[in-house]
C-alpha atoms as a PDB file:
ATOM      1  CA  MET A   1    -136.174-199.053 152.954  1.00  0.00           C
ATOM      2  CA  ASN A   2    -135.733-199.555 149.236  1.00  0.00           C
ATOM      3  CA  PRO A   3    -134.470-196.899 146.792  1.00  0.00           C
ATOM      4  CA  GLU A   4    -137.824-196.697 144.981  1.00  0.00           C
ATOM      5  CA  THR A   5    -139.580-195.747 148.226  1.00  0.00           C
ATOM      6  CA  ILE A   6    -137.003-193.049 148.966  1.00  0.00           C
ATOM      7  CA  LYS A   7    -137.322-191.724 145.424  1.00  0.00           C
ATOM      8  CA  LYS A   8    -141.125-191.489 145.636  1.00  0.00           C
ATOM      9  CA  ALA A   9    -141.049-189.975 149.140  1.00  0.00           C
ATOM     10  CA  SER A  10    -138.491-187.371 148.089  1.00  0.00           C
ATOM     11  CA  ALA A  11    -140.585-186.457 145.049  1.00  0.00           C
ATOM     12  CA  VAL A  12    -143.661-186.032 147.230  1.00  0.00           C
ATOM     13  CA  TYR A  13    -141.871-183.970 149.867  1.00  0.00           C
ATOM     14  CA  PHE A  14    -140.080-181.638 147.470  1.00  0.00           C
ATOM     15  CA  SER A  15    -143.271-181.164 145.506  1.00  0.00           C
ATOM     16  CA  LEU A  16    -144.924-180.090 148.753  1.00  0.00           C
ATOM     17  CA  LEU A  17    -142.035-177.735 149.494  1.00  0.00           C
ATOM     18  CA  LYS A  18    -142.557-176.096 146.117  1.00  0.00           C
ATOM     19  CA  GLU A  19    -146.355-176.107 145.883  1.00  0.00           C
ATOM     20  CA  LYS A  20    -147.298-176.128 149.617  1.00  0.00           C
ATOM     21  CA  VAL A  21    -150.426-178.122 148.707  1.00  0.00           C
ATOM     22  CA  ILE A  22    -150.979-181.069 146.361  1.00  0.00           C
ATOM     23  CA  ASP A  23    -154.416-182.393 145.474  1.00  0.00           C
ATOM     24  CA  GLU A  24    -155.941-185.709 144.502  1.00  0.00           C
ATOM     25  CA  ASN A  25    -155.188-185.151 140.809  1.00  0.00           C
ATOM     26  CA  SER A  26    -151.443-185.284 141.415  1.00  0.00           C
ATOM     27  CA  GLU A  27    -149.506-188.518 141.125  1.00  0.00           C
ATOM     28  CA  HIS A  28    -147.676-187.422 144.260  1.00  0.00           C
ATOM     29  CA  PHE A  29    -150.978-187.505 146.176  1.00  0.00           C
ATOM     30  CA  LYS A  30    -151.527-191.128 145.194  1.00  0.00           C
ATOM     31  CA  ASN A  31    -147.914-192.081 145.914  1.00  0.00           C
ATOM     32  CA  TYR A  32    -148.052-190.432 149.338  1.00  0.00           C
ATOM     33  CA  PHE A  33    -150.615-192.907 150.616  1.00  0.00           C
ATOM     34  CA  GLU A  34    -148.449-195.905 149.940  1.00  0.00           C
ATOM     35  CA  PRO A  35    -147.665-196.913 153.557  1.00  0.00           C
ATOM     36  CA  GLU A  36    -143.857-196.925 153.275  1.00  0.00           C
ATOM     37  CA  VAL A  37    -143.823-193.706 151.225  1.00  0.00           C
ATOM     38  CA  ARG A  38    -146.117-191.956 153.733  1.00  0.00           C
ATOM     39  CA  GLN A  39    -143.952-193.059 156.652  1.00  0.00           C
ATOM     40  CA  THR A  40    -140.824-191.750 154.900  1.00  0.00           C
ATOM     41  CA  VAL A  41    -142.440-188.412 154.014  1.00  0.00           C
ATOM     42  CA  LEU A  42    -143.624-187.954 157.604  1.00  0.00           C
ATOM     43  CA  LEU A  43    -140.100-188.688 158.832  1.00  0.00           C
ATOM     44  CA  MET A  44    -138.625-186.138 156.400  1.00  0.00           C
ATOM     45  CA  ALA A  45    -141.176-183.571 157.526  1.00  0.00           C
ATOM     46  CA  ASP A  46    -140.469-184.193 161.198  1.00  0.00           C
ATOM     47  CA  GLU A  47    -136.705-183.976 160.747  1.00  0.00           C
ATOM     48  CA  SER A  48    -136.962-180.660 158.891  1.00  0.00           C
ATOM     49  CA  GLY A  49    -139.447-179.087 161.301  1.00  0.00           C
ATOM     50  CA  THR A  50    -142.421-179.206 158.986  1.00  0.00           C
ATOM     51  CA  TYR A  51    -145.844-180.739 159.389  1.00  0.00           C
ATOM     52  CA  ILE A  52    -148.142-182.657 157.035  1.00  0.00           C
ATOM     53  CA  ILE A  53    -151.882-181.990 157.025  1.00  0.00           C
ATOM     54  CA  GLU A  54    -153.931-184.768 155.450  1.00  0.00           C
ATOM     55  CA  ALA A  55    -157.270-183.449 154.198  1.00  0.00           C
ATOM     56  CA  PRO A  56    -159.727-185.612 152.227  1.00  0.00           C
ATOM     57  CA  LYS A  57    -158.647-184.335 148.807  1.00  0.00           C
ATOM     58  CA  ARG A  58    -155.409-182.478 149.553  1.00  0.00           C
ATOM     59  CA  ILE A  59    -152.130-182.721 151.433  1.00  0.00           C
ATOM     60  CA  HIS A  60    -150.658-179.553 152.967  1.00  0.00           C
ATOM     61  CA  LEU A  61    -147.126-178.839 154.138  1.00  0.00           C
ATOM     62  CA  VAL A  62    -146.738-176.223 156.859  1.00  0.00           C
ATOM     63  CA  VAL A  63    -143.788-175.031 158.914  1.00  0.00           C
ATOM     64  CA  GLN A  64    -143.831-175.824 162.611  1.00  0.00           C
ATOM     65  CA  PRO A  65    -143.714-172.726 164.875  1.00  0.00           C
ATOM     66  CA  THR A  66    -140.342-173.679 166.333  1.00  0.00           C
ATOM     67  CA  GLY A  67    -137.394-175.844 165.419  1.00  0.00           C
ATOM     68  CA  SER A  68    -137.836-175.754 161.660  1.00  0.00           C
ATOM     69  CA  VAL A  69    -134.980-175.355 159.184  1.00  0.00           C
ATOM     70  CA  PHE A  70    -137.483-173.349 157.120  1.00  0.00           C
ATOM     71  CA  ALA A  71    -138.608-171.050 159.944  1.00  0.00           C
ATOM     72  CA  THR A  72    -138.085-167.348 159.340  1.00  0.00           C
ATOM     73  CA  ASN A  73    -137.641-164.592 161.877  1.00  0.00           C
ATOM     74  CA  PHE A  74    -138.954-161.057 161.424  1.00  0.00           C
ATOM     75  CA  THR A  75    -135.918-159.948 159.402  1.00  0.00           C
ATOM     76  CA  HIS A  76    -136.350-162.755 156.899  1.00  0.00           C
ATOM     77  CA  MET A  77    -140.078-162.080 156.699  1.00  0.00           C
ATOM     78  CA  LYS A  78    -139.326-158.411 156.070  1.00  0.00           C
ATOM     79  CA  ASP A  79    -136.874-159.314 153.304  1.00  0.00           C
ATOM     80  CA  LYS A  80    -139.434-161.578 151.641  1.00  0.00           C
ATOM     81  CA  HIS A  81    -142.397-159.239 152.045  1.00  0.00           C
ATOM     82  CA  LYS A  82    -141.226-155.686 151.432  1.00  0.00           C
ATOM     83  CA  GLN A  83    -144.554-154.252 152.570  1.00  0.00           C
ATOM     84  CA  ILE A  84    -143.747-155.025 156.201  1.00  0.00           C
ATOM     85  CA  GLU A  85    -141.854-151.950 157.397  1.00  0.00           C
ATOM     86  CA  THR A  86    -141.653-152.340 161.147  1.00  0.00           C
ATOM     87  CA  LYS A  87    -142.575-154.768 163.896  1.00  0.00           C
ATOM     88  CA  LYS A  88    -145.631-152.709 164.790  1.00  0.00           C
ATOM     89  CA  HIS A  89    -146.872-153.056 161.199  1.00  0.00           C
ATOM     90  CA  PHE A  90    -146.122-156.772 161.372  1.00  0.00           C
ATOM     91  CA  HIS A  91    -148.170-157.089 164.573  1.00  0.00           C
ATOM     92  CA  LEU A  92    -151.032-155.077 163.101  1.00  0.00           C
ATOM     93  CA  MET A  93    -151.010-157.207 159.949  1.00  0.00           C
ATOM     94  CA  SER A  94    -151.200-160.281 162.167  1.00  0.00           C
ATOM     95  CA  ILE A  95    -154.302-158.804 163.835  1.00  0.00           C
ATOM     96  CA  ILE A  96    -155.861-158.081 160.424  1.00  0.00           C
ATOM     97  CA  ILE A  97    -155.243-161.649 159.251  1.00  0.00           C
ATOM     98  CA  MET A  98    -156.596-163.057 162.499  1.00  0.00           C
ATOM     99  CA  ALA A  99    -159.720-160.872 162.233  1.00  0.00           C
ATOM    100  CA  PHE A 100    -160.271-162.255 158.735  1.00  0.00           C
ATOM    101  CA  LEU A 101    -159.810-165.840 159.933  1.00  0.00           C
ATOM    102  CA  ALA A 102    -162.196-165.283 162.860  1.00  0.00           C
ATOM    103  CA  ALA A 103    -164.799-163.913 160.443  1.00  0.00           C
ATOM    104  CA  ILE A 104    -164.738-166.988 158.217  1.00  0.00           C
ATOM    105  CA  ASP A 105    -164.185-169.587 160.968  1.00  0.00           C
ATOM    106  CA  GLN A 106    -167.781-169.742 162.107  1.00  0.00           C
ATOM    107  CA  ASN A 107    -170.731-172.017 161.394  1.00  0.00           C
ATOM    108  CA  GLN A 108    -171.235-173.910 158.142  1.00  0.00           C
ATOM    109  CA  ALA A 109    -173.659-171.326 156.763  1.00  0.00           C
ATOM    110  CA  ALA A 110    -171.100-168.556 157.273  1.00  0.00           C
ATOM    111  CA  LYS A 111    -168.405-170.658 155.575  1.00  0.00           C
ATOM    112  CA  ILE A 112    -170.627-171.278 152.545  1.00  0.00           C
ATOM    113  CA  ARG A 113    -171.521-167.593 152.339  1.00  0.00           C
ATOM    114  CA  THR A 114    -167.935-166.355 152.523  1.00  0.00           C
ATOM    115  CA  LYS A 115    -166.791-168.947 149.963  1.00  0.00           C
ATOM    116  CA  ARG A 116    -169.521-167.710 147.612  1.00  0.00           C
ATOM    117  CA  GLU A 117    -169.541-163.973 148.296  1.00  0.00           C
ATOM    118  CA  GLY A 118    -166.172-163.266 149.905  1.00  0.00           C
ATOM    119  CA  ILE A 119    -165.346-160.340 152.188  1.00  0.00           C
ATOM    120  CA  SER A 120    -164.542-156.913 150.789  1.00  0.00           C
ATOM    121  CA  PHE A 121    -161.454-155.031 151.956  1.00  0.00           C
ATOM    122  CA  TYR A 122    -163.754-152.235 153.138  1.00  0.00           C
ATOM    123  CA  ALA A 123    -165.934-154.596 155.193  1.00  0.00           C
ATOM    124  CA  LEU A 124    -162.767-156.041 156.723  1.00  0.00           C
ATOM    125  CA  GLU A 125    -161.513-152.528 157.488  1.00  0.00           C
ATOM    126  CA  ARG A 126    -164.749-151.763 159.345  1.00  0.00           C
ATOM    127  CA  GLN A 127    -164.517-155.045 161.232  1.00  0.00           C
ATOM    128  CA  VAL A 128    -160.911-154.406 162.279  1.00  0.00           C
ATOM    129  CA  ASN A 129    -161.761-150.824 163.214  1.00  0.00           C
ATOM    130  CA  ASP A 130    -164.675-151.951 165.419  1.00  0.00           C
ATOM    131  CA  LEU A 131    -162.394-154.471 167.094  1.00  0.00           C
ATOM    132  CA  ILE A 132    -159.602-151.986 167.754  1.00  0.00           C
ATOM    133  CA  MET A 133    -161.999-149.316 169.003  1.00  0.00           C
ATOM    134  CA  ASN A 134    -163.283-151.934 171.472  1.00  0.00           C
ATOM    135  CA  TRP A 135    -159.710-152.606 172.543  1.00  0.00           C
ATOM    136  CA  ASP A 136    -159.108-148.860 172.872  1.00  0.00           C
ATOM    137  CA  SER A 137    -162.070-148.584 175.246  1.00  0.00           C
ATOM    138  CA  LEU A 138    -160.835-151.557 177.254  1.00  0.00           C
ATOM    139  CA  LEU A 139    -157.344-150.075 177.529  1.00  0.00           C
ATOM    140  CA  LYS A 140    -158.754-146.893 179.041  1.00  0.00           C
ATOM    141  CA  ALA A 141    -160.403-148.933 181.772  1.00  0.00           C
ATOM    142  CA  LYS A 142    -157.665-151.544 182.051  1.00  0.00           C
ATOM    143  CA  PRO A 143    -154.246-150.248 180.886  1.00  0.00           C
ATOM    144  CA  ASP A 144    -152.629-153.667 181.114  1.00  0.00           C
ATOM    145  CA  PHE A 145    -155.218-155.251 178.788  1.00  0.00           C
ATOM    146  CA  GLY A 146    -153.449-157.685 176.469  1.00  0.00           C
ATOM    147  CA  ALA A 147    -150.460-158.247 178.745  1.00  0.00           C
ATOM    148  CA  GLU A 148    -151.611-161.705 179.763  1.00  0.00           C
ATOM    149  CA  GLU A 149    -152.025-162.671 176.095  1.00  0.00           C
ATOM    150  CA  ARG A 150    -148.598-161.170 175.260  1.00  0.00           C
ATOM    151  CA  ILE A 151    -150.057-158.713 172.762  1.00  0.00           C
ATOM    152  CA  ASP A 152    -148.893-155.096 172.680  1.00  0.00           C
ATOM    153  CA  MET A 153    -152.411-153.701 172.514  1.00  0.00           C
ATOM    154  CA  LYS A 154    -151.360-150.067 173.005  1.00  0.00           C
ATOM    155  CA  ASP A 155    -148.990-150.136 170.025  1.00  0.00           C
ATOM    156  CA  VAL A 156    -151.542-151.892 167.822  1.00  0.00           C
ATOM    157  CA  VAL A 157    -154.332-149.483 168.767  1.00  0.00           C
ATOM    158  CA  THR A 158    -152.187-146.357 168.395  1.00  0.00           C
ATOM    159  CA  THR A 159    -150.761-147.431 165.025  1.00  0.00           C
ATOM    160  CA  TRP A 160    -154.213-148.185 163.626  1.00  0.00           C
ATOM    161  CA  LYS A 161    -155.902-145.040 164.975  1.00  0.00           C
ATOM    162  CA  PHE A 162    -153.363-142.743 163.363  1.00  0.00           C
ATOM    163  CA  MET A 163    -153.319-144.455 159.977  1.00  0.00           C
ATOM    164  CA  GLU A 164    -154.993-142.670 157.091  1.00  0.00           C
ATOM    165  CA  VAL A 165    -158.564-143.822 156.543  1.00  0.00           C
ATOM    166  CA  ASP A 166    -159.429-144.874 153.002  1.00  0.00           C
ATOM    167  CA  THR A 167    -162.892-144.578 151.493  1.00  0.00           C
ATOM    168  CA  GLU A 168    -164.411-146.690 148.746  1.00  0.00           C
ATOM    169  CA  ASP A 169    -163.860-143.914 146.197  1.00  0.00           C
ATOM    170  CA  TYR A 170    -160.227-143.598 147.264  1.00  0.00           C
ATOM    171  CA  GLY A 171    -159.227-146.519 145.058  1.00  0.00           C
ATOM    172  CA  LEU A 172    -156.839-149.323 145.905  1.00  0.00           C
ATOM    173  CA  LYS A 173    -154.370-148.044 143.302  1.00  0.00           C
ATOM    174  CA  LYS A 174    -153.780-144.997 145.499  1.00  0.00           C
ATOM    175  CA  ALA A 175    -153.776-146.890 148.780  1.00  0.00           C
ATOM    176  CA  THR A 176    -150.375-147.583 150.273  1.00  0.00           C
ATOM    177  CA  ARG A 177    -149.270-149.707 153.191  1.00  0.00           C
ATOM    178  CA  ARG A 178    -149.382-146.538 155.292  1.00  0.00           C
ATOM    179  CA  THR A 179    -153.168-146.472 154.912  1.00  0.00           C
ATOM    180  CA  ARG A 180    -155.640-148.883 156.450  1.00  0.00           C
ATOM    181  CA  ILE A 181    -156.837-150.366 153.157  1.00  0.00           C
ATOM    182  CA  GLY A 182    -153.251-150.536 151.945  1.00  0.00           C
ATOM    183  CA  LEU A 183    -152.221-152.483 155.037  1.00  0.00           C
ATOM    184  CA  ILE A 184    -155.200-154.804 154.608  1.00  0.00           C
ATOM    185  CA  ALA A 185    -154.172-155.360 150.986  1.00  0.00           C
ATOM    186  CA  SER A 186    -150.635-156.208 152.112  1.00  0.00           C
ATOM    187  CA  SER A 187    -151.987-158.589 154.749  1.00  0.00           C
ATOM    188  CA  MET A 188    -154.216-160.391 152.265  1.00  0.00           C
ATOM    189  CA  ARG A 189    -151.353-160.712 149.794  1.00  0.00           C
ATOM    190  CA  LEU A 190    -149.501-162.763 152.396  1.00  0.00           C
ATOM    191  CA  LEU A 191    -152.371-165.268 152.350  1.00  0.00           C
ATOM    192  CA  GLU A 192    -152.591-165.058 148.569  1.00  0.00           C
ATOM    193  CA  THR A 193    -148.920-165.977 148.121  1.00  0.00           C
ATOM    194  CA  GLU A 194    -149.584-169.085 150.230  1.00  0.00           C
ATOM    195  CA  GLY A 195    -152.386-170.112 147.865  1.00  0.00           C
ATOM    196  CA  LEU A 196    -155.060-169.789 150.556  1.00  0.00           C
ATOM    197  CA  ILE A 197    -157.262-167.017 149.128  1.00  0.00           C
ATOM    198  CA  VAL A 198    -158.216-165.354 145.857  1.00  0.00           C
ATOM    199  CA  ILE A 199    -158.347-161.544 145.586  1.00  0.00           C
ATOM    200  CA  LEU A 200    -160.947-160.230 143.131  1.00  0.00           C
ATOM    201  CA  ASP A 201    -161.606-156.750 141.695  1.00  0.00           C
ATOM    202  CA  ARG A 202    -158.262-155.420 142.870  1.00  0.00           C
ATOM    203  CA  ASP A 203    -158.667-151.986 141.289  1.00  0.00           C
ATOM    204  CA  ASP A 204    -162.352-151.402 142.006  1.00  0.00           C
ATOM    205  CA  LEU A 205    -163.922-152.839 145.155  1.00  0.00           C
ATOM    206  CA  PRO A 206    -161.439-155.547 146.107  1.00  0.00           C
ATOM    207  CA  LYS A 207    -162.649-158.557 148.038  1.00  0.00           C
ATOM    208  CA  VAL A 208    -161.205-161.779 149.368  1.00  0.00           C
ATOM    209  CA  ILE A 209    -162.535-165.232 148.535  1.00  0.00           C
ATOM    210  CA  PRO A 210    -161.222-167.920 150.923  1.00  0.00           C
ATOM    211  CA  LYS A 211    -160.193-171.140 149.196  1.00  0.00           C
ATOM    212  CA  GLN A 212    -160.977-174.611 150.473  1.00  0.00           C
ATOM    213  CA  GLU A 213    -157.278-174.947 151.319  1.00  0.00           C
ATOM    214  CA  LEU A 214    -157.678-172.195 153.934  1.00  0.00           C
ATOM    215  CA  PHE A 215    -160.657-173.889 155.589  1.00  0.00           C
ATOM    216  CA  GLU A 216    -158.683-177.138 155.696  1.00  0.00           C
ATOM    217  CA  ARG A 217    -155.730-175.318 157.249  1.00  0.00           C
ATOM    218  CA  ILE A 218    -158.069-173.922 159.916  1.00  0.00           C
ATOM    219  CA  ASP A 219    -159.821-177.231 160.613  1.00  0.00           C
ATOM    220  CA  TYR A 220    -156.812-179.534 160.543  1.00  0.00           C
ATOM    221  CA  LEU A 221    -154.144-177.257 162.031  1.00  0.00           C
ATOM    222  CA  TYR A 222    -155.154-173.955 163.609  1.00  0.00           C
ATOM    223  CA  HIS A 223    -157.836-175.448 165.858  1.00  0.00           C
ATOM    224  CA  ASP A 224    -155.112-177.500 167.533  1.00  0.00           C
ATOM    225  CA  TYR A 225    -153.276-174.367 168.657  1.00  0.00           C
ATOM    226  CA  ASP A 226    -154.387-172.797 171.927  1.00  0.00           C
ATOM    227  CA  ARG A 227    -153.032-169.409 170.837  1.00  0.00           C
ATOM    228  CA  TYR A 228    -155.232-169.424 167.729  1.00  0.00           C
ATOM    229  CA  GLU A 229    -158.297-170.115 169.857  1.00  0.00           C
ATOM    230  CA  MET A 230    -157.208-167.414 172.314  1.00  0.00           C
ATOM    231  CA  PHE A 231    -156.849-164.890 169.490  1.00  0.00           C
ATOM    232  CA  LYS A 232    -160.176-165.910 167.992  1.00  0.00           C
ATOM    233  CA  LYS A 233    -161.844-165.394 171.383  1.00  0.00           C
ATOM    234  CA  LEU A 234    -160.308-161.915 171.586  1.00  0.00           C
ATOM    235  CA  MET A 235    -161.644-161.147 168.103  1.00  0.00           C
ATOM    236  CA  THR A 236    -165.214-162.119 168.969  1.00  0.00           C
ATOM    237  CA  LYS A 237    -165.892-162.051 172.716  1.00  0.00           C
ATOM    238  CA  GLU A 238    -164.790-158.472 173.370  1.00  0.00           C
ATOM    239  CA  GLU A 239    -166.791-157.326 170.366  1.00  0.00           C
ATOM    240  CA  ASP A 240    -169.925-159.062 171.660  1.00  0.00           C
ATOM    241  CA  GLU A 241    -169.474-157.729 175.170  1.00  0.00           C
ATOM    242  CA  HIS A 242    -169.196-154.146 173.941  1.00  0.00           C
ATOM    243  CA  ALA A 243    -171.866-154.255 171.247  1.00  0.00           C
ATOM    244  CA  GLU A 244    -173.717-151.427 172.997  1.00  0.00           C
ATOM    245  CA  ASN A 245    -170.857-149.023 172.250  1.00  0.00           C
ATOM    246  CA  PRO A 246    -172.386-146.283 170.023  1.00  0.00           C
ATOM    247  CA  SER A 247    -169.243-146.171 167.892  1.00  0.00           C
ATOM    248  CA  HIS A 248    -170.307-149.557 166.427  1.00  0.00           C
END
């Protein structure tokens, strides 16, 4: 392996570490597809516990779930994102993000619509509330619901039910992470910092516009994870099965 190859591969990899995604307009994108450079970058990624996603016009760098030198536990996540107060808030934020992903990960027409129109925080709040009310009903009939999936449903449901409900005239400026809209805002900021969404109209009627990078992450990475598909099924199947519930 010659020094020029190592130099190019290092430039590509460290650019990915900094930017998370590089597109076809970057010289690093072009350099990456030189066979020896690509092989070296993939080796660097594997050794550091990261993973390269090759989309048609972009290259993504993501951290593998386990064994990565860049992996962070809850404490590190809490230090980085001050809005995460406790593990139960972390779990609830994970549910909110997954509900958002399930909403946009549908057919092509739905993808085009959400890319054009986005999803408002208030529509997402209603969607999450419908989901959790379904789970609440299921827990009453089956107290161990969620145990098989290793999700603490009771904690998630209880935390959400007792959070303050925001209305559209409440205003995001007043919403805090202790309110439902505030927690949704915090959850969406996690995706925003990763460059996967755009948040519009923050102070009026905020909404989320998914970027192409997020759809690529879903198509080229998340669909390969059984747990993602399991979560997505929980987000949609239970809702469909309980559509007759008058609370919806």
